[in-house]
């Protein structure tokens, strides 16, 4: 009787050890994947911000050659506001559908 109880306890401890190893491996994979996604998202965001900045700067310089400084800045600023407004509107619509 005692041998059966001891054998059962040993089996339960071995099962817990195996499950802990699986859980550790799963958590490690999740953390590595999360870190890679965060690094990738940071690089993409930096590329979008940098690329968008260069596009706006080139638009400003192009308009600057054809009109006064203040008017070129006004047009570029209004364009940025329009883009941000449309992006916000689309995000709000998407959140309401969920």
Protein backbone atom coordinates (compact mmCIF):
# COMPACT_ATOMS: atom_id res chain seq x y z
CA UNK A 1 0.00 0.00 0.00
CA UNK A 2 2.78 2.42 0.95
CA UNK A 3 4.67 1.54 -2.23
CA UNK A 4 1.63 2.41 -4.35
CA UNK A 5 1.23 5.77 -2.64
CA UNK A 6 4.93 6.53 -3.07
CA UNK A 7 4.79 5.44 -6.73
CA UNK A 8 1.74 7.65 -7.25
CA UNK A 9 3.46 10.64 -5.62
CA UNK A 10 6.57 10.09 -7.74
CA UNK A 11 4.42 9.92 -10.89
CA UNK A 12 2.61 13.15 -9.94
CA UNK A 13 5.93 14.94 -9.27
CA UNK A 14 7.35 13.75 -12.61
CA UNK A 15 4.19 14.92 -14.38
CA UNK A 16 4.44 18.33 -12.72
CA UNK A 17 8.09 18.57 -13.74
CA UNK A 18 7.29 17.74 -17.36
CA UNK A 19 4.44 20.26 -17.44
CA UNK A 20 6.66 22.94 -15.87
CA UNK A 21 9.26 22.33 -18.57
CA UNK A 22 6.62 22.67 -21.29
CA UNK A 23 5.27 25.84 -19.71
CA UNK A 24 8.78 27.32 -19.43
CA UNK A 25 9.47 26.55 -23.08
CA UNK A 26 6.15 28.08 -24.14
CA UNK A 27 6.73 31.23 -22.11
CA UNK A 28 10.26 31.57 -23.50
CA UNK A 29 8.97 31.26 -27.07
CA UNK A 30 6.24 33.79 -26.35
CA UNK A 31 8.72 36.29 -24.92
CA UNK A 32 11.14 35.90 -27.83
CA UNK A 33 8.31 36.29 -30.34
CA UNK A 34 7.00 39.34 -28.48
CA UNK A 35 10.45 40.91 -28.44
CA UNK A 36 10.88 40.31 -32.18
CA UNK A 37 7.45 41.80 -32.89
CA UNK A 38 8.25 44.84 -30.74
CA UNK A 39 11.59 45.37 -32.49
CA UNK A 40 9.97 44.98 -35.91
CA UNK A 41 7.14 47.35 -35.03
CA UNK A 42 9.64 49.92 -33.77
CA UNK A 43 11.63 49.72 -37.00
CA UNK A 44 8.49 50.00 -39.12
CA UNK A 45 7.22 52.95 -37.08
CA UNK A 46 10.57 54.70 -37.34
CA UNK A 47 10.59 54.12 -41.10
CA UNK A 48 7.08 55.47 -41.46
CA UNK A 49 7.76 58.55 -39.35
CA UNK A 50 11.10 59.23 -41.04
CA UNK A 51 9.75 58.58 -44.52
CA UNK A 52 6.67 60.68 -43.84
CA UNK A 53 8.85 63.49 -42.56
CA UNK A 54 10.99 63.46 -45.68
CA UNK A 55 7.89 63.41 -47.88
CA UNK A 56 6.43 66.41 -46.07
CA UNK A 57 9.74 68.23 -46.20
CA UNK A 58 10.06 67.62 -49.95
CA UNK A 59 6.47 68.78 -50.47
CA UNK A 60 7.22 71.92 -48.49
CA UNK A 61 10.37 72.63 -50.49
CA UNK A 62 8.50 72.05 -53.75
CA UNK A 63 5.73 74.44 -52.72
CA UNK A 64 8.30 76.91 -51.41
CA UNK A 65 9.73 77.30 -54.90
CA UNK A 66 6.31 78.34 -56.22
CA UNK A 67 4.78 80.44 -53.40
CA UNK A 68 5.61 82.41 -50.23
CA UNK A 69 6.92 80.62 -47.12
CA UNK A 70 3.79 81.08 -45.04
CA UNK A 71 1.47 79.76 -47.74
CA UNK A 72 3.62 76.68 -48.33
CA UNK A 73 3.70 75.95 -44.59
CA UNK A 74 -0.07 76.45 -44.37
CA UNK A 75 -0.77 74.02 -47.19
CA UNK A 76 1.55 71.34 -45.78
CA UNK A 77 0.11 71.82 -42.27
CA UNK A 78 -3.47 71.55 -43.49
CA UNK A 79 -2.56 68.44 -45.46
CA UNK A 80 -1.09 66.83 -42.35
CA UNK A 81 -4.19 67.73 -40.34
CA UNK A 82 -6.40 66.26 -43.05
CA UNK A 83 -4.42 63.00 -43.12
CA UNK A 84 -4.48 62.70 -39.33
CA UNK A 85 -8.20 63.47 -39.25
CA UNK A 86 -9.00 60.81 -41.82
CA UNK A 87 -6.80 58.27 -40.00
CA UNK A 88 -8.52 59.06 -36.69
CA UNK A 89 -11.96 58.82 -38.27
CA UNK A 90 -11.13 55.43 -39.79
CA UNK A 91 -9.75 54.19 -36.45
CA UNK A 92 -12.90 55.27 -34.61
CA UNK A 93 -15.10 53.56 -37.20
CA UNK A 94 -13.06 50.39 -36.88
CA UNK A 95 -13.29 50.43 -33.07
CA UNK A 96 -17.07 50.92 -33.17
CA UNK A 97 -17.53 47.87 -35.40
CA UNK A 98 -15.90 45.56 -32.86
